[in-house]
Amino acid sequence: MVRAIILVRSPKKLIAARLRKVAQVTYSFPTSGQFDAVAVADVEDLGMIRDVACQIQAISGVERTETMVGVE
């Protein structure tokens, strides 16, 4: 299992709720600062992270994402 933390920039209200609709996103919440929300995704392998990031980038109003992979 691989965990990805995806930072999302979007001026849209309730973007965190929209992120939860992506199947692999297990948790999301709004933040203050440079990014507006964080999505936590748990996937089977590294290759799936790109797919999740692309799904998030396709959400209306998402301007930018930055992805970090959890290292244990």
C-alpha atoms as a PDB file:
ATOM      1  CA  MET A   1       0.000   0.000   0.000  1.00  0.00           C
ATOM      2  CA  VAL A   2       1.281   3.447  -0.931  1.00  0.00           C
ATOM      3  CA  ARG A   3      -0.024   6.668   0.605  1.00  0.00           C
ATOM      4  CA  ALA A   4      -0.019   9.916  -1.363  1.00  0.00           C
ATOM      5  CA  ILE A   5      -0.691  13.360   0.021  1.00  0.00           C
ATOM      6  CA  ILE A   6      -2.000  15.676  -2.674  1.00  0.00           C
ATOM      7  CA  LEU A   7      -2.100  19.415  -2.055  1.00  0.00           C
ATOM      8  CA  VAL A   8      -4.789  21.200  -4.071  1.00  0.00           C
ATOM      9  CA  ARG A   9      -5.137  24.826  -5.020  1.00  0.00           C
ATOM     10  CA  SER A  10      -8.666  25.898  -5.931  1.00  0.00           C
ATOM     11  CA  PRO A  11     -10.728  29.025  -5.307  1.00  0.00           C
ATOM     12  CA  LYS A  12     -13.889  26.887  -5.233  1.00  0.00           C
ATOM     13  CA  LYS A  13     -15.669  26.509  -1.919  1.00  0.00           C
ATOM     14  CA  LEU A  14     -16.133  22.963  -0.680  1.00  0.00           C
ATOM     15  CA  ILE A  15     -13.308  21.594  -2.844  1.00  0.00           C
ATOM     16  CA  ALA A  16     -12.414  19.140  -0.054  1.00  0.00           C
ATOM     17  CA  ALA A  17     -15.854  17.543  -0.378  1.00  0.00           C
ATOM     18  CA  ARG A  18     -15.370  17.171  -4.127  1.00  0.00           C
ATOM     19  CA  LEU A  19     -12.011  15.486  -3.559  1.00  0.00           C
ATOM     20  CA  ARG A  20     -13.690  12.784  -1.458  1.00  0.00           C
ATOM     21  CA  LYS A  21     -15.623  11.658  -4.524  1.00  0.00           C
ATOM     22  CA  VAL A  22     -12.409  10.292  -6.068  1.00  0.00           C
ATOM     23  CA  ALA A  23     -12.463   6.580  -5.234  1.00  0.00           C
ATOM     24  CA  GLN A  24      -8.917   6.282  -3.872  1.00  0.00           C
ATOM     25  CA  VAL A  25      -9.123   9.412  -1.701  1.00  0.00           C
ATOM     26  CA  THR A  26      -9.576   8.182   1.855  1.00  0.00           C
ATOM     27  CA  TYR A  27      -9.551  11.582   3.561  1.00  0.00           C
ATOM     28  CA  SER A  28      -9.590  15.247   2.564  1.00  0.00           C
ATOM     29  CA  PHE A  29      -9.844  18.523   4.392  1.00  0.00           C
ATOM     30  CA  PRO A  30      -9.634  22.281   3.698  1.00  0.00           C
ATOM     31  CA  THR A  31      -6.503  24.207   4.658  1.00  0.00           C
ATOM     32  CA  SER A  32      -5.296  27.774   4.797  1.00  0.00           C
ATOM     33  CA  GLY A  33      -2.142  29.010   3.144  1.00  0.00           C
ATOM     34  CA  GLN A  34      -0.728  28.378  -0.315  1.00  0.00           C
ATOM     35  CA  PHE A  35      -3.034  25.386  -0.908  1.00  0.00           C
ATOM     36  CA  ASP A  36      -6.765  25.201  -0.253  1.00  0.00           C
ATOM     37  CA  ALA A  37      -7.214  21.501   0.477  1.00  0.00           C
ATOM     38  CA  VAL A  38      -5.363  18.272   1.141  1.00  0.00           C
ATOM     39  CA  ALA A  39      -6.353  14.855  -0.199  1.00  0.00           C
ATOM     40  CA  VAL A  40      -4.932  11.646   1.219  1.00  0.00           C
ATOM     41  CA  ALA A  41      -5.023   8.717  -1.204  1.00  0.00           C
ATOM     42  CA  ASP A  42      -4.170   5.095  -0.493  1.00  0.00           C
ATOM     43  CA  VAL A  43      -3.294   3.068  -3.595  1.00  0.00           C
ATOM     44  CA  GLU A  44      -1.814  -0.336  -4.368  1.00  0.00           C
ATOM     45  CA  ASP A  45       1.319   0.865  -6.183  1.00  0.00           C
ATOM     46  CA  LEU A  46       3.202   4.002  -7.230  1.00  0.00           C
ATOM     47  CA  GLY A  47       1.803   3.909 -10.747  1.00  0.00           C
ATOM     48  CA  MET A  48      -1.709   4.522  -9.470  1.00  0.00           C
ATOM     49  CA  ILE A  49      -0.760   7.831  -7.856  1.00  0.00           C
ATOM     50  CA  ARG A  50      -0.578   9.542 -11.227  1.00  0.00           C
ATOM     51  CA  ASP A  51      -4.091   8.312 -12.060  1.00  0.00           C
ATOM     52  CA  VAL A  52      -5.466   9.748  -8.810  1.00  0.00           C
ATOM     53  CA  ALA A  53      -3.677  13.075  -9.378  1.00  0.00           C
ATOM     54  CA  CYS A  54      -5.092  13.274 -12.909  1.00  0.00           C
ATOM     55  CA  GLN A  55      -8.626  12.624 -11.613  1.00  0.00           C
ATOM     56  CA  ILE A  56      -8.203  15.420  -9.081  1.00  0.00           C
ATOM     57  CA  GLN A  57      -6.805  17.800 -11.709  1.00  0.00           C
ATOM     58  CA  ALA A  58      -9.894  17.121 -13.839  1.00  0.00           C
ATOM     59  CA  ILE A  59     -12.222  18.437 -11.118  1.00  0.00           C
ATOM     60  CA  SER A  60     -13.719  21.779 -12.097  1.00  0.00           C
ATOM     61  CA  GLY A  61     -11.928  24.635 -10.360  1.00  0.00           C
ATOM     62  CA  VAL A  62      -8.691  22.824  -9.511  1.00  0.00           C
ATOM     63  CA  GLU A  63      -5.865  25.143 -10.540  1.00  0.00           C
ATOM     64  CA  ARG A  64      -2.812  23.271  -9.301  1.00  0.00           C
ATOM     65  CA  THR A  65      -1.772  20.177  -7.382  1.00  0.00           C
ATOM     66  CA  GLU A  66       1.397  19.024  -5.704  1.00  0.00           C
ATOM     67  CA  THR A  67       1.829  15.370  -4.780  1.00  0.00           C
ATOM     68  CA  MET A  68       3.972  13.881  -2.041  1.00  0.00           C
ATOM     69  CA  VAL A  69       4.460  10.161  -1.492  1.00  0.00           C
ATOM     70  CA  GLY A  70       4.575   8.807   2.039  1.00  0.00           C
ATOM     71  CA  VAL A  71       7.854   7.081   2.883  1.00  0.00           C
ATOM     72  CA  GLU A  72       8.029   4.541   5.681  1.00  0.00           C
END
